[in-house]
Protein backbone atom coordinates (compact mmCIF):
# COMPACT_ATOMS: atom_id res chain seq x y z
CA MET A 1 -32.88 -134.08 -19.70
CA THR A 2 -36.36 -134.96 -19.00
CA ASP A 3 -40.25 -134.28 -19.66
CA GLY A 4 -42.56 -133.19 -17.10
CA ILE A 5 -45.54 -135.76 -18.25
CA SER A 6 -46.61 -138.05 -15.63
CA GLY A 7 -46.27 -141.79 -16.46
CA GLU A 8 -43.83 -144.55 -16.30
CA LYS A 9 -40.29 -143.33 -16.11
CA ILE A 10 -37.81 -144.44 -18.99
CA LEU A 11 -34.11 -143.57 -19.37
CA VAL A 12 -32.90 -143.68 -22.77
CA VAL A 13 -28.96 -144.15 -23.23
CA ASP A 14 -27.46 -143.56 -26.78
CA ASP A 15 -24.41 -141.58 -27.81
CA SER A 16 -26.03 -140.32 -30.86
CA PRO A 17 -28.10 -137.05 -30.20
CA ASP A 18 -30.23 -137.58 -33.13
CA THR A 19 -31.33 -141.14 -31.92
CA LEU A 20 -32.01 -139.86 -28.34
CA GLU A 21 -34.15 -137.05 -29.75
CA VAL A 22 -36.21 -139.47 -31.83
CA ILE A 23 -36.85 -141.85 -29.22
CA ARG A 24 -37.53 -139.34 -26.82
CA ARG A 25 -40.20 -137.61 -28.88
CA ASN A 26 -41.75 -140.94 -29.69
CA LEU A 27 -41.93 -142.06 -25.78
CA VAL A 28 -43.13 -138.67 -24.88
CA SER A 29 -46.21 -138.59 -27.33
CA GLN A 30 -47.33 -141.80 -25.54
CA GLY A 31 -47.34 -140.27 -21.98
CA TYR A 32 -44.14 -141.61 -20.81
CA LYS A 33 -41.90 -139.48 -18.49
CA VAL A 34 -38.36 -139.56 -20.28
CA PHE A 35 -34.92 -139.13 -19.26
CA THR A 36 -32.11 -139.15 -21.86
CA ALA A 37 -28.13 -139.75 -21.17
CA PRO A 38 -25.48 -139.84 -23.76
CA GLY A 39 -23.38 -142.50 -22.12
CA VAL A 40 -23.19 -144.93 -19.42
CA GLU A 41 -21.53 -142.69 -16.71
CA GLU A 42 -24.40 -140.05 -16.96
CA ALA A 43 -27.05 -142.79 -17.04
CA LEU A 44 -25.67 -143.97 -13.55
CA GLY A 45 -25.94 -140.32 -12.40
CA ILE A 46 -29.65 -140.45 -13.12
CA LEU A 47 -30.13 -143.98 -11.94
CA SER A 48 -28.44 -143.08 -8.63
CA SER A 49 -31.28 -140.33 -7.74
CA THR A 50 -34.14 -141.29 -9.88
CA SER A 51 -36.68 -144.58 -9.74
CA VAL A 52 -36.74 -145.65 -13.41
CA ASP A 53 -38.98 -148.19 -14.66
CA LEU A 54 -37.35 -148.80 -18.07
CA VAL A 55 -33.97 -148.44 -19.46
CA ILE A 56 -33.49 -148.34 -23.01
CA THR A 57 -29.95 -148.57 -24.07
CA ASP A 58 -27.58 -148.79 -27.07
CA LEU A 59 -25.12 -151.62 -27.24
CA LYS A 60 -21.94 -150.02 -28.35
CA MET A 61 -20.92 -146.77 -26.90
CA PRO A 62 -17.41 -145.14 -25.86
CA ARG A 63 -15.86 -145.81 -22.63
CA ALA A 64 -18.44 -148.20 -21.08
CA SER A 65 -20.91 -150.38 -23.26
CA GLY A 66 -24.61 -151.08 -23.03
CA LEU A 67 -23.81 -154.39 -21.62
CA ASP A 68 -22.00 -152.87 -18.66
CA LEU A 69 -25.07 -150.85 -18.03
CA VAL A 70 -27.40 -153.90 -18.29
CA ARG A 71 -25.21 -155.79 -15.82
CA HIS A 72 -25.46 -152.91 -13.40
CA VAL A 73 -28.97 -152.48 -13.47
CA ARG A 74 -29.50 -156.27 -13.08
CA GLU A 75 -27.15 -156.41 -10.27
CA ASN A 76 -28.19 -153.21 -8.42
CA LEU A 77 -31.97 -152.33 -9.08
CA LYS A 78 -34.64 -154.63 -8.41
CA ASN A 79 -37.66 -152.70 -10.33
CA THR A 80 -36.38 -151.72 -13.59
CA GLU A 81 -36.69 -153.30 -17.07
CA ILE A 82 -34.14 -153.30 -19.74
CA ILE A 83 -34.31 -152.92 -23.63
CA MET A 84 -31.18 -153.08 -25.55
CA ILE A 85 -30.88 -151.34 -29.12
CA THR A 86 -27.92 -151.64 -31.50
CA GLY A 87 -27.12 -150.96 -34.99
CA PHE A 88 -24.77 -153.97 -35.02
CA ALA A 89 -27.16 -156.77 -34.69
CA SER A 90 -26.23 -160.20 -34.43
CA ILE A 91 -27.20 -163.60 -32.69
CA GLU A 92 -24.43 -163.14 -30.34
CA GLY A 93 -25.13 -159.75 -29.34
CA ALA A 94 -28.68 -160.83 -28.71
CA VAL A 95 -27.97 -163.93 -26.71
CA MET A 96 -25.30 -161.89 -24.52
CA ALA A 97 -28.02 -159.21 -23.86
CA VAL A 98 -30.70 -161.74 -22.69
CA LYS A 99 -28.19 -163.36 -20.79
CA MET A 100 -27.01 -160.09 -18.88
CA GLY A 101 -30.82 -159.44 -18.12
CA ALA A 102 -32.28 -157.45 -21.18
CA GLU A 103 -35.89 -158.20 -21.73
CA GLU A 104 -35.82 -157.05 -25.30
CA TYR A 105 -33.42 -156.79 -28.13
CA LEU A 106 -34.16 -154.15 -30.90
CA ALA A 107 -31.92 -153.88 -34.08
CA LYS A 108 -31.71 -150.47 -35.79
CA PRO A 109 -33.48 -149.44 -37.53
CA PHE A 110 -36.66 -150.03 -35.90
CA THR A 111 -40.13 -148.80 -36.45
CA ASP A 112 -42.27 -146.71 -34.17
CA ASP A 113 -44.68 -149.74 -33.60
CA GLU A 114 -41.78 -151.82 -32.76
CA LEU A 115 -40.47 -149.54 -30.17
CA PHE A 116 -43.92 -149.05 -28.64
CA THR A 117 -44.69 -152.82 -28.50
CA ALA A 118 -41.09 -153.53 -27.00
CA VAL A 119 -41.71 -150.95 -24.16
CA LYS A 120 -45.23 -152.04 -23.57
CA LYS A 121 -44.33 -155.72 -23.16
CA SER A 122 -41.32 -154.54 -20.95
CA LEU A 123 -43.63 -152.59 -18.62
CA GLU A 124 -46.24 -155.27 -18.35
CA LYS A 125 -43.54 -157.80 -16.97
CA LEU A 126 -42.27 -155.14 -14.47
CA LYS A 127 -45.83 -154.63 -13.15
CA MET A 128 -46.51 -158.48 -13.02
CA ARG A 129 -43.51 -158.89 -11.21
CA ARG A 130 -44.08 -155.94 -8.73
CA THR A 131 -47.47 -157.55 -8.09
CA ALA A 132 -46.06 -160.76 -7.53
CA ASN A 133 -43.60 -159.40 -4.96
CA GLY A 134 -46.38 -157.40 -3.45
CA LYS A 135 -43.81 -154.41 -2.92
CA LEU A 136 -44.38 -151.12 -4.77
CA PRO A 137 -42.00 -147.77 -4.24
CA THR A 138 -44.08 -145.96 -1.52
CA GLN A 139 -43.35 -142.67 0.21
CA VAL A 140 -42.71 -142.78 3.69
CA SER A 141 -43.72 -139.97 5.74
CA ASP A 142 -44.50 -138.86 9.25
CA ASP A 143 -45.72 -142.59 10.53
CA SER A 144 -41.96 -143.17 10.06
CA PHE A 145 -40.88 -140.76 12.55
CA GLY A 146 -40.37 -137.94 10.12
CA LEU A 147 -38.37 -139.72 7.50
CA ILE A 148 -39.88 -138.77 4.16
CA GLY A 149 -38.82 -139.94 0.56
CA VAL A 150 -39.26 -142.27 -2.41
CA SER A 151 -35.61 -142.30 -3.87
CA ARG A 152 -33.74 -145.46 -3.89
CA SER A 153 -31.20 -144.33 -1.59
CA ILE A 154 -33.58 -143.54 1.15
CA ARG A 155 -35.61 -146.51 0.62
CA ASN A 156 -32.43 -148.42 1.43
CA VAL A 157 -32.15 -146.69 4.75
CA PHE A 158 -35.90 -147.67 5.36
CA ASP A 159 -35.07 -151.11 4.60
CA SER A 160 -31.85 -150.99 6.84
CA ILE A 161 -34.13 -149.50 9.81
CA ARG A 162 -36.63 -152.38 9.55
CA LYS A 163 -34.00 -155.18 9.54
CA VAL A 164 -32.12 -153.72 12.71
CA THR A 165 -35.30 -153.08 14.76
CA SER A 166 -35.51 -156.66 15.63
CA THR A 167 -32.03 -156.87 16.89
CA SER A 168 -30.29 -155.28 20.01
CA ALA A 169 -27.10 -154.98 18.12
CA ASN A 170 -25.22 -151.66 18.18
CA VAL A 171 -25.78 -149.41 15.14
CA LEU A 172 -23.43 -146.86 13.65
CA ILE A 173 -25.25 -144.17 11.70
CA ILE A 174 -23.10 -142.10 9.27
CA GLY A 175 -24.35 -139.07 7.57
CA GLN A 176 -23.47 -135.52 6.82
CA SER A 177 -24.96 -132.90 9.22
CA GLY A 178 -28.55 -132.03 8.57
CA THR A 179 -29.35 -135.58 7.03
CA GLY A 180 -31.40 -136.83 9.73
CA LYS A 181 -29.13 -139.04 11.86
CA GLU A 182 -31.35 -138.48 15.12
CA LEU A 183 -34.59 -139.48 13.09
CA VAL A 184 -33.03 -142.71 12.15
CA ALA A 185 -32.08 -143.59 15.74
CA ARG A 186 -35.47 -142.54 16.80
CA ALA A 187 -37.18 -144.87 14.02
CA ILE A 188 -34.92 -147.69 15.07
CA HIS A 189 -35.94 -147.43 18.83
CA TYR A 190 -39.67 -146.55 18.40
CA SER A 191 -40.07 -149.24 15.62
CA GLY A 192 -38.71 -151.97 17.87
CA LYS A 193 -40.08 -154.04 20.69
CA LYS A 194 -39.23 -151.51 23.37
CA THR A 195 -41.13 -148.64 22.29
CA SER A 196 -42.12 -147.88 25.86
CA THR A 197 -38.46 -147.86 27.16
CA PRO A 198 -36.32 -144.62 27.43
CA PHE A 199 -34.90 -142.96 24.21
CA VAL A 200 -32.06 -140.79 25.28
CA PRO A 201 -30.18 -138.51 22.84
CA VAL A 202 -27.05 -137.25 23.71
CA ASN A 203 -25.01 -134.55 21.48
CA CYS A 204 -21.39 -135.52 22.56
CA GLY A 205 -20.06 -132.60 20.83
CA GLY A 206 -22.17 -130.03 22.60
CA ILE A 207 -21.01 -130.78 25.97
CA PRO A 208 -17.92 -129.39 27.23
CA GLU A 209 -15.22 -132.18 27.80
CA GLY A 210 -14.91 -131.47 31.48
CA LEU A 211 -18.62 -132.27 31.89
CA LEU A 212 -19.27 -134.80 29.52
CA GLU A 213 -18.30 -138.03 32.03
CA SER A 214 -20.52 -136.61 34.73
CA GLU A 215 -23.34 -136.16 32.48
CA LEU A 216 -23.04 -139.66 30.53
CA PHE A 217 -22.38 -141.72 34.13
CA GLY A 218 -23.75 -139.47 36.62
CA TYR A 219 -21.75 -138.58 40.09
CA VAL A 220 -22.20 -139.05 43.76
CA LYS A 221 -22.87 -136.68 46.32
CA GLY A 222 -19.48 -134.76 47.37
CA ALA A 223 -17.67 -136.14 44.11
CA PHE A 224 -16.51 -132.42 43.26
CA THR A 225 -17.29 -129.00 44.31
CA GLY A 226 -20.90 -128.39 43.44
CA ALA A 227 -21.96 -132.09 43.73
CA THR A 228 -24.56 -131.28 46.69
CA GLU A 229 -26.55 -134.57 45.56
CA THR A 230 -26.16 -137.99 43.79
CA ARG A 231 -27.49 -137.62 40.21
CA ALA A 232 -27.79 -140.23 37.55
CA GLY A 233 -26.32 -139.87 34.15
CA PHE A 234 -27.72 -140.29 30.72
CA PHE A 235 -26.67 -144.15 30.62
CA GLN A 236 -28.66 -144.75 33.99
CA THR A 237 -31.64 -142.79 32.49
CA ALA A 238 -31.54 -144.96 29.23
CA ASP A 239 -31.49 -148.25 31.20
CA GLY A 240 -33.61 -150.82 29.55
CA GLY A 241 -33.75 -148.68 26.48
CA THR A 242 -31.63 -146.69 23.82
CA ILE A 243 -28.99 -144.21 24.27
CA PHE A 244 -28.12 -142.25 21.24
CA LEU A 245 -24.38 -140.98 21.17
CA ASP A 246 -24.67 -137.98 18.37
CA GLU A 247 -21.36 -136.89 17.06
CA VAL A 248 -19.36 -139.65 18.97
CA SER A 249 -16.43 -138.60 16.95
CA GLU A 250 -15.94 -135.55 19.18
CA THR A 251 -15.23 -137.60 22.33
CA SER A 252 -11.76 -137.49 23.60
CA LEU A 253 -9.43 -140.62 23.68
CA SER A 254 -9.72 -140.92 27.47
CA MET A 255 -13.60 -140.63 27.13
CA GLN A 256 -13.41 -143.35 24.36
CA VAL A 257 -11.87 -145.70 26.88
CA LYS A 258 -14.55 -145.26 29.42
CA LEU A 259 -17.24 -145.59 26.82
CA LEU A 260 -15.48 -149.00 25.73
CA ARG A 261 -15.65 -150.12 29.09
CA VAL A 262 -19.46 -149.87 29.25
CA LEU A 263 -19.76 -151.55 25.93
CA GLN A 264 -17.70 -154.55 27.25
CA ASP A 265 -18.91 -154.74 30.82
CA LYS A 266 -22.45 -153.36 30.56
CA GLU A 267 -21.79 -151.02 33.78
CA VAL A 268 -20.78 -147.57 34.36
CA PHE A 269 -18.77 -145.80 37.19
CA MET A 270 -20.40 -142.70 38.63
CA VAL A 271 -17.85 -140.00 39.23
CA GLY A 272 -16.68 -140.65 42.77
CA ALA A 273 -18.30 -143.75 43.08
CA THR A 274 -16.41 -146.87 44.25
CA LYS A 275 -18.63 -149.75 42.63
CA PRO A 276 -19.82 -149.85 39.12
CA HIS A 277 -23.60 -149.56 38.21
CA LYS A 278 -24.98 -152.22 35.97
CA VAL A 279 -26.77 -150.74 32.84
CA ASN A 280 -28.85 -152.44 30.06
CA VAL A 281 -28.49 -150.15 27.34
CA ARG A 282 -28.61 -150.33 23.51
CA ILE A 283 -26.19 -147.93 21.89
CA LEU A 284 -26.79 -146.12 18.64
CA ALA A 285 -24.02 -143.94 17.56
CA ALA A 286 -23.74 -141.20 14.86
CA THR A 287 -21.12 -139.15 13.21
CA ASN A 288 -20.58 -136.89 10.08
CA LYS A 289 -16.64 -137.65 10.25
CA ASP A 290 -14.59 -140.37 8.79
CA LEU A 291 -13.92 -142.83 11.73
CA ILE A 292 -11.77 -144.83 9.84
CA GLY A 293 -9.73 -142.01 8.88
CA LEU A 294 -9.64 -140.75 12.48
CA VAL A 295 -8.54 -144.34 13.66
CA LYS A 296 -5.66 -144.42 11.32
CA LYS A 297 -4.65 -140.68 12.66
CA GLY A 298 -4.94 -142.06 16.13
CA LEU A 299 -7.79 -139.86 17.11
CA PHE A 300 -10.35 -142.66 17.58
CA ARG A 301 -9.74 -146.02 19.22
CA GLU A 302 -10.23 -148.73 16.75
CA ASP A 303 -11.56 -151.26 19.51
CA LEU A 304 -14.41 -148.83 20.16
CA TYR A 305 -15.14 -148.14 16.32
CA PHE A 306 -15.56 -151.91 15.81
CA ARG A 307 -17.73 -152.09 19.00
CA LEU A 308 -20.09 -149.39 17.97
CA ASN A 309 -19.83 -150.30 14.12
CA VAL A 310 -21.71 -153.94 14.42
CA ILE A 311 -24.12 -152.52 11.94
CA THR A 312 -23.74 -149.56 9.61
CA ILE A 313 -26.59 -147.26 8.02
CA SER A 314 -25.30 -144.55 5.81
CA ILE A 315 -27.66 -141.59 5.19
CA PRO A 316 -27.48 -139.92 1.76
CA PRO A 317 -26.91 -136.33 1.40
CA LEU A 318 -30.16 -134.43 0.29
CA ARG A 319 -28.31 -133.64 -3.29
CA GLU A 320 -28.28 -137.26 -3.89
CA ARG A 321 -32.23 -137.89 -3.35
CA GLY A 322 -33.44 -136.81 -6.56
CA ASP A 323 -37.12 -136.01 -6.29
CA ASP A 324 -37.33 -136.45 -2.51
CA ILE A 325 -36.15 -132.75 -2.60
CA LEU A 326 -39.43 -131.82 -3.80
CA ILE A 327 -41.70 -134.14 -1.81
CA LEU A 328 -39.73 -132.56 1.29
CA ALA A 329 -40.26 -129.15 0.07
CA ASN A 330 -43.82 -129.56 -0.10
CA HIS A 331 -44.26 -131.26 3.33
CA PHE A 332 -42.32 -128.47 5.02
CA ALA A 333 -44.41 -126.09 3.12
CA GLU A 334 -47.62 -127.66 4.52
CA ARG A 335 -46.41 -128.08 7.62
CA PHE A 336 -45.37 -124.47 8.47
CA ALA A 337 -48.28 -123.07 6.71
CA ALA A 338 -50.67 -125.12 9.01
CA GLU A 339 -48.55 -123.59 12.16
CA MET A 340 -49.45 -120.05 10.99
CA PRO A 341 -52.09 -120.78 9.88
CA ARG A 342 -52.64 -120.15 6.10
CA ALA A 343 -52.84 -122.01 3.14
CA ALA A 344 -49.71 -123.81 1.92
CA PRO A 345 -48.05 -121.82 -0.94
CA ARG A 346 -47.39 -123.70 -4.16
CA PHE A 347 -43.99 -123.87 -5.93
CA SER A 348 -43.48 -122.74 -9.38
CA ASP A 349 -41.66 -124.86 -12.01
CA ARG A 350 -38.76 -122.56 -11.84
CA ALA A 351 -38.43 -122.53 -8.13
CA LEU A 352 -38.81 -126.52 -8.03
CA GLU A 353 -35.99 -126.71 -10.55
CA VAL A 354 -33.50 -124.18 -8.79
CA LEU A 355 -34.48 -126.39 -5.57
CA LYS A 356 -33.40 -129.65 -7.14
CA ASN A 357 -30.45 -128.39 -8.63
CA TYR A 358 -28.85 -126.63 -5.38
CA TYR A 359 -26.28 -128.39 -3.65
CA TRP A 360 -27.72 -128.35 -0.39
CA PRO A 361 -24.62 -128.30 2.11
CA GLY A 362 -26.72 -128.25 5.08
CA ASN A 363 -28.95 -131.04 3.74
CA VAL A 364 -32.71 -131.58 5.01
CA ARG A 365 -32.27 -129.05 8.06
CA GLU A 366 -31.16 -126.54 5.45
CA LEU A 367 -34.07 -127.34 3.20
CA GLU A 368 -36.51 -127.15 6.34
CA ASN A 369 -35.07 -123.66 7.19
CA VAL A 370 -35.36 -122.34 3.77
CA ILE A 371 -38.80 -123.44 3.24
CA GLN A 372 -39.87 -122.04 6.83
CA ARG A 373 -38.51 -118.67 5.78
CA LEU A 374 -40.22 -118.77 2.68
CA VAL A 375 -43.66 -119.55 4.08
CA VAL A 376 -43.21 -116.83 6.50
CA MET A 377 -41.69 -114.18 4.27
CA THR A 378 -43.68 -114.82 1.02
CA ASP A 379 -47.24 -113.25 0.74
CA GLY A 380 -48.70 -114.75 -2.32
CA ASP A 381 -49.94 -118.22 -3.20
CA ILE A 382 -46.92 -119.24 -5.47
CA ILE A 383 -43.29 -119.23 -4.37
CA ASP A 384 -41.35 -118.45 -7.57
CA ALA A 385 -37.53 -118.56 -8.09
CA PRO A 386 -36.96 -114.99 -7.44
CA ASP A 387 -38.40 -115.47 -3.87
CA LEU A 388 -35.72 -118.32 -2.92
CA PRO A 389 -32.51 -117.22 -1.30
CA SER A 390 -29.69 -115.39 -3.58
CA LEU A 391 -27.09 -118.14 -2.69
CA MET A 392 -29.46 -120.68 -4.32
CA ARG A 393 -30.02 -118.54 -7.51
CA PHE A 394 -26.74 -117.49 -8.27
CA SER A 395 -23.29 -119.08 -8.23
CA PRO A 396 -20.31 -116.64 -6.91
CA LEU A 397 -17.95 -118.83 -9.30
CA ARG A 398 -19.92 -118.14 -12.11
CA GLN A 399 -20.55 -114.31 -11.52
CA THR A 400 -16.86 -113.74 -10.66
CA GLY A 401 -14.62 -116.44 -11.88
CA PHE A 402 -11.84 -118.47 -10.06
CA ASP A 403 -9.53 -115.49 -9.22
CA ARG A 404 -10.91 -115.05 -5.56
CA PRO A 405 -9.00 -115.94 -2.25
CA LEU A 406 -10.64 -118.93 -0.64
CA ALA A 407 -11.28 -116.67 2.39
CA GLU A 408 -13.44 -114.25 0.41
CA VAL A 409 -15.34 -117.14 -1.13
CA GLU A 410 -15.92 -118.50 2.42
CA ALA A 411 -16.82 -115.49 3.76
CA GLU A 412 -19.53 -114.80 1.30
CA TYR A 413 -20.81 -118.32 1.49
CA ILE A 414 -21.26 -117.90 5.25
CA LYS A 415 -23.03 -114.74 5.04
CA ASN A 416 -25.52 -116.22 2.27
CA VAL A 417 -26.21 -118.85 4.65
CA LEU A 418 -26.94 -116.51 7.37
CA THR A 419 -29.07 -114.55 5.28
CA SER A 420 -31.25 -117.57 3.96
CA VAL A 421 -32.11 -118.46 7.78
CA GLY A 422 -33.00 -114.81 8.63
CA GLY A 423 -29.85 -114.14 10.58
CA ASN A 424 -30.37 -117.15 13.05
CA LYS A 425 -26.79 -117.73 13.92
CA THR A 426 -27.60 -121.27 15.77
CA LYS A 427 -29.29 -122.43 12.57
CA ALA A 428 -26.66 -121.16 10.16
CA ALA A 429 -23.93 -122.85 12.46
CA GLU A 430 -25.85 -126.21 12.24
CA ILE A 431 -26.04 -125.94 8.25
CA LEU A 432 -22.18 -125.10 8.04
CA GLY A 433 -21.42 -127.85 10.64
CA ILE A 434 -19.71 -125.49 12.87
CA ASP A 435 -20.09 -124.35 16.46
CA ARG A 436 -21.55 -120.78 17.22
CA LYS A 437 -18.10 -119.81 18.68
CA THR A 438 -16.47 -120.70 15.32
CA LEU A 439 -19.11 -118.82 13.47
CA ARG A 440 -18.87 -115.58 15.17
CA GLU A 441 -14.98 -115.91 14.62
CA LYS A 442 -15.46 -116.22 11.12
CA LEU A 443 -18.01 -113.43 10.94
CA LYS A 444 -15.58 -110.97 12.80
CA SER A 445 -12.79 -112.04 10.41
CA ALA A 446 -15.01 -111.29 7.58
CA ASP A 447 -15.91 -107.79 8.84
CA SER A 448 -12.54 -106.97 9.37
CA GLU A 449 -11.29 -107.64 6.01
CA THR A 450 -14.09 -105.65 4.40
CA SER A 451 -13.87 -102.73 6.61
């Protein structure tokens, strides 16, 4: 649980509910924002989605111990301090805690003043270290090509982007539909040295297989019926710059062979041509599929996978980005309100809680669509929980139990998604990760079952 008071963020971990509550109340009285967890597993869940300044952990707990948590924090988090507390105080325990990385060690029972002093000292050390490093967590917004967020997981993406912009290595961007793979690709290209060169995005899954080769590599006049002139392909258009192959997993094995040749020889054969055409193109590829799994099934070439996957950037799903959901919601509300124009509506605390707790299967794209609809359809200055789409406010499984057929649950979810985007089938298909044809078939099937 958390308290909505601004201030440094502190996570308290203890298997004793009474101890958690006492420490929480004391710290909240000092203006800190407090998270609590009854064990290490729950603590790791909070740390994965929230930037915490200080962890206060008990030593002995069921399953994993406080020392395990201390080690995890020290090996994975750069800007988090640790205080160890225990009812089994010993010199050995203190030495081990400090060796593992705890800044302070408190023996139970301790006074309020002892707790406050230890917390203050730890946070002062953190502030000094951050100042020395010259790096504070910052929100990255429109200046970074639409990438917004402060969560640790998205900051890792920002760090990766900064590192790869100075190289010409191929990059494979992995993430679920709607997470912003093309935004990452654009950030890589436009943050590098070749900002004035072409950036050419290609949706491999959106081009019919029979046309993909001619679209990618171009064709010469007379190559096939209808080829009345010679036309350059996407690779020639991107010459000197970057081509972004989105959903590269959708390409056929025969097309993968041709892509491999481009990667190896830096040249393309236009359809109907007898000589290759040299190209100097950086390739950024993206997929929402498990390419290793496809390789094992013989559906994706292993040699092409290794050629594309020189560097990997994995984009986290929105549900794992914590407060980024609220930052993005406000950003989209301001943007869409400015387009109307109107004053940007505010979100009630209940609405923000629903937004943060929703699963977001369509990720940032789904959030953007939901906020756009809310800005357009909501008349007042405040967006409250009842204004949100019904699929976000109610769980069909909680309402009707687990005794329904999968087809029924799927059909209801699809209709809810369609409702959330105002009936826009293109947007609904994007959120669901399917094409419009599949969506039409599923809607037709659902209507026939209910008629």
